[in-house]
PDB file of N, CA and C in Angstrom:
ATOM      1  N   MET A   1      90.870  42.449  99.350  1.00  0.00           N
ATOM      2  CA  MET A   1      90.770  42.855 100.418  1.00  0.00           C
ATOM      3  C   MET A   1      92.305  44.003 100.965  1.00  0.00           C
ATOM      4  N   PRO A   2      93.298  43.118 100.251  1.00  0.00           N
ATOM      5  CA  PRO A   2      94.826  43.882 100.793  1.00  0.00           C
ATOM      6  C   PRO A   2      95.125  44.942 100.035  1.00  0.00           C
ATOM      7  N   PRO A   3      93.991  45.538  98.980  1.00  0.00           N
ATOM      8  CA  PRO A   3      94.033  46.813  98.309  1.00  0.00           C
ATOM      9  C   PRO A   3      92.735  48.056  98.807  1.00  0.00           C
ATOM     10  N   VAL A   4      91.995  47.142  99.595  1.00  0.00           N
ATOM     11  CA  VAL A   4      91.215  48.451 100.552  1.00  0.00           C
ATOM     12  C   VAL A   4      92.439  48.846 101.851  1.00  0.00           C
ATOM     13  N   PRO A   5      93.194  48.300 102.473  1.00  0.00           N
ATOM     14  CA  PRO A   5      94.007  49.068 103.466  1.00  0.00           C
ATOM     15  C   PRO A   5      94.954  49.803 102.600  1.00  0.00           C
ATOM     16  N   LEU A   6      94.876  50.152 101.712  1.00  0.00           N
ATOM     17  CA  LEU A   6      96.027  51.050 100.863  1.00  0.00           C
ATOM     18  C   LEU A   6      95.422  52.085 100.605  1.00  0.00           C
ATOM     19  N   THR A   7      94.326  52.259 100.772  1.00  0.00           N
ATOM     20  CA  THR A   7      93.455  53.429 100.566  1.00  0.00           C
ATOM     21  C   THR A   7      93.303  54.340 101.416  1.00  0.00           C
ATOM     22  N   PRO A   8      92.791  53.607 102.894  1.00  0.00           N
ATOM     23  CA  PRO A   8      92.960  54.774 103.904  1.00  0.00           C
ATOM     24  C   PRO A   8      94.844  55.344 104.287  1.00  0.00           C
ATOM     25  N   ALA A   9      95.338  54.482 104.388  1.00  0.00           N
ATOM     26  CA  ALA A   9      97.018  55.019 104.377  1.00  0.00           C
ATOM     27  C   ALA A   9      96.981  55.824 103.704  1.00  0.00           C
ATOM     28  N   LEU A  10      96.580  56.273 102.312  1.00  0.00           N
ATOM     29  CA  LEU A  10      96.909  57.276 101.291  1.00  0.00           C
ATOM     30  C   LEU A  10      96.074  58.472 101.887  1.00  0.00           C
ATOM     31  N   ALA A  11      94.589  58.631 102.367  1.00  0.00           N
ATOM     32  CA  ALA A  11      94.415  59.313 103.277  1.00  0.00           C
ATOM     33  C   ALA A  11      94.928  60.259 104.026  1.00  0.00           C
ATOM     34  N   LEU A  12      95.634  59.256 104.945  1.00  0.00           N
ATOM     35  CA  LEU A  12      96.695  59.762 105.867  1.00  0.00           C
ATOM     36  C   LEU A  12      97.262  61.123 105.027  1.00  0.00           C
ATOM     37  N   VAL A  13      98.083  60.119 104.107  1.00  0.00           N
ATOM     38  CA  VAL A  13      99.075  61.529 103.259  1.00  0.00           C
ATOM     39  C   VAL A  13      98.497  62.961 103.072  1.00  0.00           C
ATOM     40  N   PRO A  14      97.471  62.937 102.692  1.00  0.00           N
ATOM     41  CA  PRO A  14      96.545  64.369 102.208  1.00  0.00           C
ATOM     42  C   PRO A  14      96.383  65.008 103.212  1.00  0.00           C
ATOM     43  N   ALA A  15      96.340  64.257 104.467  1.00  0.00           N
ATOM     44  CA  ALA A  15      95.773  65.369 105.566  1.00  0.00           C
ATOM     45  C   ALA A  15      97.326  65.998 106.375  1.00  0.00           C
ATOM     46  N   PHE A  16      98.469  65.605 105.539  1.00  0.00           N
ATOM     47  CA  PHE A  16      99.236  66.873 106.373  1.00  0.00           C
ATOM     48  C   PHE A  16      99.701  67.792 105.389  1.00  0.00           C
ATOM     49  N   PRO A  17      99.210  67.668 104.332  1.00  0.00           N
ATOM     50  CA  PRO A  17      99.653  69.134 103.601  1.00  0.00           C
ATOM     51  C   PRO A  17      98.437  70.479 104.068  1.00  0.00           C
ATOM     52  N   PRO A  18      97.140  69.843 104.694  1.00  0.00           N
ATOM     53  CA  PRO A  18      96.343  70.683 105.316  1.00  0.00           C
ATOM     54  C   PRO A  18      97.243  71.127 106.194  1.00  0.00           C
ATOM     55  N   THR A  19      97.911  70.739 107.174  1.00  0.00           N
ATOM     56  CA  THR A  19      98.294  71.629 108.296  1.00  0.00           C
ATOM     57  C   THR A  19      99.108  72.608 108.526  1.00  0.00           C
ATOM     58  N   PRO A  20      99.986  72.603 107.034  1.00  0.00           N
ATOM     59  CA  PRO A  20     100.394  74.346 107.228  1.00  0.00           C
ATOM     60  C   PRO A  20      99.807  75.084 107.200  1.00  0.00           C
ATOM     61  N   ALA A  21      97.945  74.954 106.741  1.00  0.00           N
ATOM     62  CA  ALA A  21      97.401  76.044 106.377  1.00  0.00           C
ATOM     63  C   ALA A  21      96.782  76.546 108.234  1.00  0.00           C
ATOM     64  N   VAL A  22      96.943  75.780 108.747  1.00  0.00           N
ATOM     65  CA  VAL A  22      96.835  75.901 110.407  1.00  0.00           C
ATOM     66  C   VAL A  22      97.950  77.068 110.725  1.00  0.00           C
ATOM     67  N   PRO A  23      98.827  77.054 110.366  1.00  0.00           N
ATOM     68  CA  PRO A  23      99.859  78.572 110.848  1.00  0.00           C
ATOM     69  C   PRO A  23      99.190  80.185 110.262  1.00  0.00           C
ATOM     70  N   LEU A  24      98.991  79.717 109.161  1.00  0.00           N
ATOM     71  CA  LEU A  24      98.458  80.888 108.629  1.00  0.00           C
ATOM     72  C   LEU A  24      96.987  81.624 109.188  1.00  0.00           C
ATOM     73  N   THR A  25      95.936  80.963 110.149  1.00  0.00           N
ATOM     74  CA  THR A  25      95.433  81.236 110.658  1.00  0.00           C
ATOM     75  C   THR A  25      95.756  82.054 112.065  1.00  0.00           C
ATOM     76  N   PRO A  26      96.676  82.508 112.199  1.00  0.00           N
ATOM     77  CA  PRO A  26      97.559  82.848 113.263  1.00  0.00           C
ATOM     78  C   PRO A  26      97.888  84.932 113.393  1.00  0.00           C
ATOM     79  N   PRO A  27      98.038  84.962 111.982  1.00  0.00           N
ATOM     80  CA  PRO A  27      98.570  86.013 111.515  1.00  0.00           C
ATOM     81  C   PRO A  27      97.029  86.969 111.435  1.00  0.00           C
ATOM     82  N   PRO A  28      95.568  87.044 111.814  1.00  0.00           N
ATOM     83  CA  PRO A  28      94.909  87.379 111.795  1.00  0.00           C
ATOM     84  C   PRO A  28      94.569  88.057 113.357  1.00  0.00           C
ATOM     85  N   THR A  29      95.462  87.408 114.030  1.00  0.00           N
ATOM     86  CA  THR A  29      95.344  87.628 115.826  1.00  0.00           C
ATOM     87  C   THR A  29      95.752  89.323 115.646  1.00  0.00           C
ATOM     88  N   PRO A  30      97.225  89.513 114.829  1.00  0.00           N
ATOM     89  CA  PRO A  30      97.623  90.973 115.407  1.00  0.00           C
ATOM     90  C   PRO A  30      96.676  92.347 114.812  1.00  0.00           C
ATOM     91  N   THR A  31      95.359  91.533 115.055  1.00  0.00           N
ATOM     92  CA  THR A  31      94.108  92.707 114.266  1.00  0.00           C
ATOM     93  C   THR A  31      93.713  93.243 116.100  1.00  0.00           C
ATOM     94  N   LEU A  32      94.061  92.688 116.808  1.00  0.00           N
ATOM     95  CA  LEU A  32      93.627  92.939 118.535  1.00  0.00           C
ATOM     96  C   LEU A  32      94.480  94.313 119.192  1.00  0.00           C
ATOM     97  N   PRO A  33      95.846  94.148 118.487  1.00  0.00           N
ATOM     98  CA  PRO A  33      96.177  95.125 119.326  1.00  0.00           C
ATOM     99  C   PRO A  33      95.928  96.650 118.739  1.00  0.00           C
ATOM    100  N   PRO A  34      95.479  96.901 117.679  1.00  0.00           N
ATOM    101  CA  PRO A  34      94.790  98.316 117.577  1.00  0.00           C
ATOM    102  C   PRO A  34      93.701  98.850 118.347  1.00  0.00           C
ATOM    103  N   THR A  35      93.133  97.564 119.400  1.00  0.00           N
ATOM    104  CA  THR A  35      92.396  97.828 120.287  1.00  0.00           C
ATOM    105  C   THR A  35      92.586  98.761 121.102  1.00  0.00           C
ATOM    106  N   PRO A  36      93.839  98.240 121.883  1.00  0.00           N
ATOM    107  CA  PRO A  36      94.365  98.996 122.524  1.00  0.00           C
ATOM    108  C   PRO A  36      94.410 100.847 122.643  1.00  0.00           C
ATOM    109  N   ALA A  37      94.612 100.856 121.386  1.00  0.00           N
ATOM    110  CA  ALA A  37      95.051 102.420 120.929  1.00  0.00           C
ATOM    111  C   ALA A  37      93.810 103.396 121.415  1.00  0.00           C
ATOM    112  N   PHE A  38      92.466 102.574 121.390  1.00  0.00           N
ATOM    113  CA  PHE A  38      91.027 103.001 121.365  1.00  0.00           C
ATOM    114  C   PHE A  38      91.038 103.708 122.768  1.00  0.00           C
ATOM    115  N   PRO A  39      91.760 102.999 123.829  1.00  0.00           N
ATOM    116  CA  PRO A  39      91.397 103.453 125.500  1.00  0.00           C
ATOM    117  C   PRO A  39      92.438 104.604 125.355  1.00  0.00           C
ATOM    118  N   PRO A  40      93.363 104.659 124.906  1.00  0.00           N
ATOM    119  CA  PRO A  40      94.709 106.377 125.291  1.00  0.00           C
ATOM    120  C   PRO A  40      93.848 107.335 124.259  1.00  0.00           C
ATOM    121  N   ALA A  41      92.764 107.123 123.725  1.00  0.00           N
ATOM    122  CA  ALA A  41      92.335 107.782 122.760  1.00  0.00           C
ATOM    123  C   ALA A  41      91.427 109.072 124.256  1.00  0.00           C
ATOM    124  N   PRO A  42      90.658 108.553 124.511  1.00  0.00           N
ATOM    125  CA  PRO A  42      89.376 108.862 125.604  1.00  0.00           C
ATOM    126  C   PRO A  42      90.317 109.494 126.625  1.00  0.00           C
ATOM    127  N   THR A  43      91.634 108.895 126.811  1.00  0.00           N
ATOM    128  CA  THR A  43      91.663 109.889 128.434  1.00  0.00           C
ATOM    129  C   THR A  43      92.658 111.789 127.583  1.00  0.00           C
ATOM    130  N   PRO A  44      92.640 111.840 126.743  1.00  0.00           N
ATOM    131  CA  PRO A  44      93.365 113.084 126.592  1.00  0.00           C
ATOM    132  C   PRO A  44      91.854 113.737 126.608  1.00  0.00           C
ATOM    133  N   ALA A  45      90.706 113.233 126.050  1.00  0.00           N
ATOM    134  CA  ALA A  45      89.778 114.104 125.505  1.00  0.00           C
ATOM    135  C   ALA A  45      88.959 115.065 126.790  1.00  0.00           C
ATOM    136  N   VAL A  46      89.206 113.745 128.003  1.00  0.00           N
ATOM    137  CA  VAL A  46      88.906 113.954 129.690  1.00  0.00           C
ATOM    138  C   VAL A  46      89.408 115.000 130.247  1.00  0.00           C
ATOM    139  N   ALA A  47      90.346 115.402 129.871  1.00  0.00           N
ATOM    140  CA  ALA A  47      91.507 116.812 130.099  1.00  0.00           C
ATOM    141  C   ALA A  47      90.913 117.545 129.472  1.00  0.00           C
ATOM    142  N   PRO A  48      90.714 118.381 128.600  1.00  0.00           N
ATOM    143  CA  PRO A  48      89.803 119.157 128.190  1.00  0.00           C
ATOM    144  C   PRO A  48      88.915 119.586 128.526  1.00  0.00           C
ATOM    145  N   ALA A  49      87.883 118.778 129.078  1.00  0.00           N
ATOM    146  CA  ALA A  49      86.159 118.867 129.349  1.00  0.00           C
ATOM    147  C   ALA A  49      86.568 119.115 131.201  1.00  0.00           C
ATOM    148  N   LEU A  50      87.985 118.950 131.540  1.00  0.00           N
ATOM    149  CA  LEU A  50      87.508 119.434 132.809  1.00  0.00           C
ATOM    150  C   LEU A  50      88.631 120.744 133.400  1.00  0.00           C
ATOM    151  N   ALA A  51      88.909 121.478 131.886  1.00  0.00           N
ATOM    152  CA  ALA A  51      89.486 122.738 131.963  1.00  0.00           C
ATOM    153  C   ALA A  51      88.108 123.708 131.874  1.00  0.00           C
ATOM    154  N   PRO A  52      87.308 123.524 130.471  1.00  0.00           N
ATOM    155  CA  PRO A  52      86.422 124.114 130.158  1.00  0.00           C
ATOM    156  C   PRO A  52      85.473 124.490 131.747  1.00  0.00           C
ATOM    157  N   ALA A  53      85.314 123.925 132.625  1.00  0.00           N
ATOM    158  CA  ALA A  53      84.908 123.440 133.806  1.00  0.00           C
ATOM    159  C   ALA A  53      85.182 124.978 134.811  1.00  0.00           C
ATOM    160  N   PRO A  54      86.257 124.819 135.150  1.00  0.00           N
ATOM    161  CA  PRO A  54      86.663 125.995 135.103  1.00  0.00           C
ATOM    162  C   PRO A  54      86.640 127.249 135.157  1.00  0.00           C
ATOM    163  N   ALA A  55      86.718 127.293 133.941  1.00  0.00           N
ATOM    164  CA  ALA A  55      86.103 128.619 132.885  1.00  0.00           C
ATOM    165  C   ALA A  55      85.275 129.508 132.925  1.00  0.00           C
ATOM    166  N   PRO A  56      83.938 128.832 133.407  1.00  0.00           N
ATOM    167  CA  PRO A  56      82.819 129.421 133.162  1.00  0.00           C
ATOM    168  C   PRO A  56      82.299 129.988 134.649  1.00  0.00           C
ATOM    169  N   ALA A  57      83.770 128.829 135.747  1.00  0.00           N
ATOM    170  CA  ALA A  57      83.355 129.672 137.183  1.00  0.00           C
ATOM    171  C   ALA A  57      83.668 131.162 137.504  1.00  0.00           C
ATOM    172  N   ALA A  58      84.568 131.697 136.613  1.00  0.00           N
ATOM    173  CA  ALA A  58      85.859 132.376 136.783  1.00  0.00           C
ATOM    174  C   ALA A  58      84.811 133.850 136.213  1.00  0.00           C
ATOM    175  N   PRO A  59      84.193 134.066 134.950  1.00  0.00           N
ATOM    176  CA  PRO A  59      82.698 134.776 134.724  1.00  0.00           C
ATOM    177  C   PRO A  59      81.926 135.569 136.006  1.00  0.00           C
ATOM    178  N   PRO A  60      81.754 134.481 136.440  1.00  0.00           N
ATOM    179  CA  PRO A  60      80.595 134.646 137.475  1.00  0.00           C
ATOM    180  C   PRO A  60      80.992 135.353 139.089  1.00  0.00           C
ATOM    181  N   THR A  61      82.258 135.140 139.101  1.00  0.00           N
ATOM    182  CA  THR A  61      83.233 136.291 140.182  1.00  0.00           C
ATOM    183  C   THR A  61      82.773 137.104 139.867  1.00  0.00           C
ATOM    184  N   PRO A  62      83.669 138.157 138.767  1.00  0.00           N
ATOM    185  CA  PRO A  62      83.706 139.514 138.889  1.00  0.00           C
ATOM    186  C   PRO A  62      82.408 140.375 138.330  1.00  0.00           C
ATOM    187  N   ALA A  63      81.147 139.186 137.902  1.00  0.00           N
ATOM    188  CA  ALA A  63      79.507 139.889 137.842  1.00  0.00           C
ATOM    189  C   ALA A  63      79.401 140.593 139.333  1.00  0.00           C
ATOM    190  N   PRO A  64      79.495 139.835 140.624  1.00  0.00           N
ATOM    191  CA  PRO A  64      79.088 140.585 141.651  1.00  0.00           C
ATOM    192  C   PRO A  64      79.705 142.052 141.556  1.00  0.00           C
ATOM    193  N   PRO A  65      81.094 142.125 141.990  1.00  0.00           N
ATOM    194  CA  PRO A  65      81.737 143.487 142.552  1.00  0.00           C
ATOM    195  C   PRO A  65      81.044 144.578 141.072  1.00  0.00           C
TER     196      PRO A  65
END
């Protein structure tokens, strides 16, 4: 009976080494920062779209005269 209780105590020792593996999981989180870079990209695309709109309106004006 006494040798049995010793086995469970050893099982707890190996559980400690695996704990350090948890800190390794946080590194992948940095992949989220790249996502914010996308929103700024679409903003510049909107500016050029507005510029071409006024351009076509100019040609029709000189047509009547």
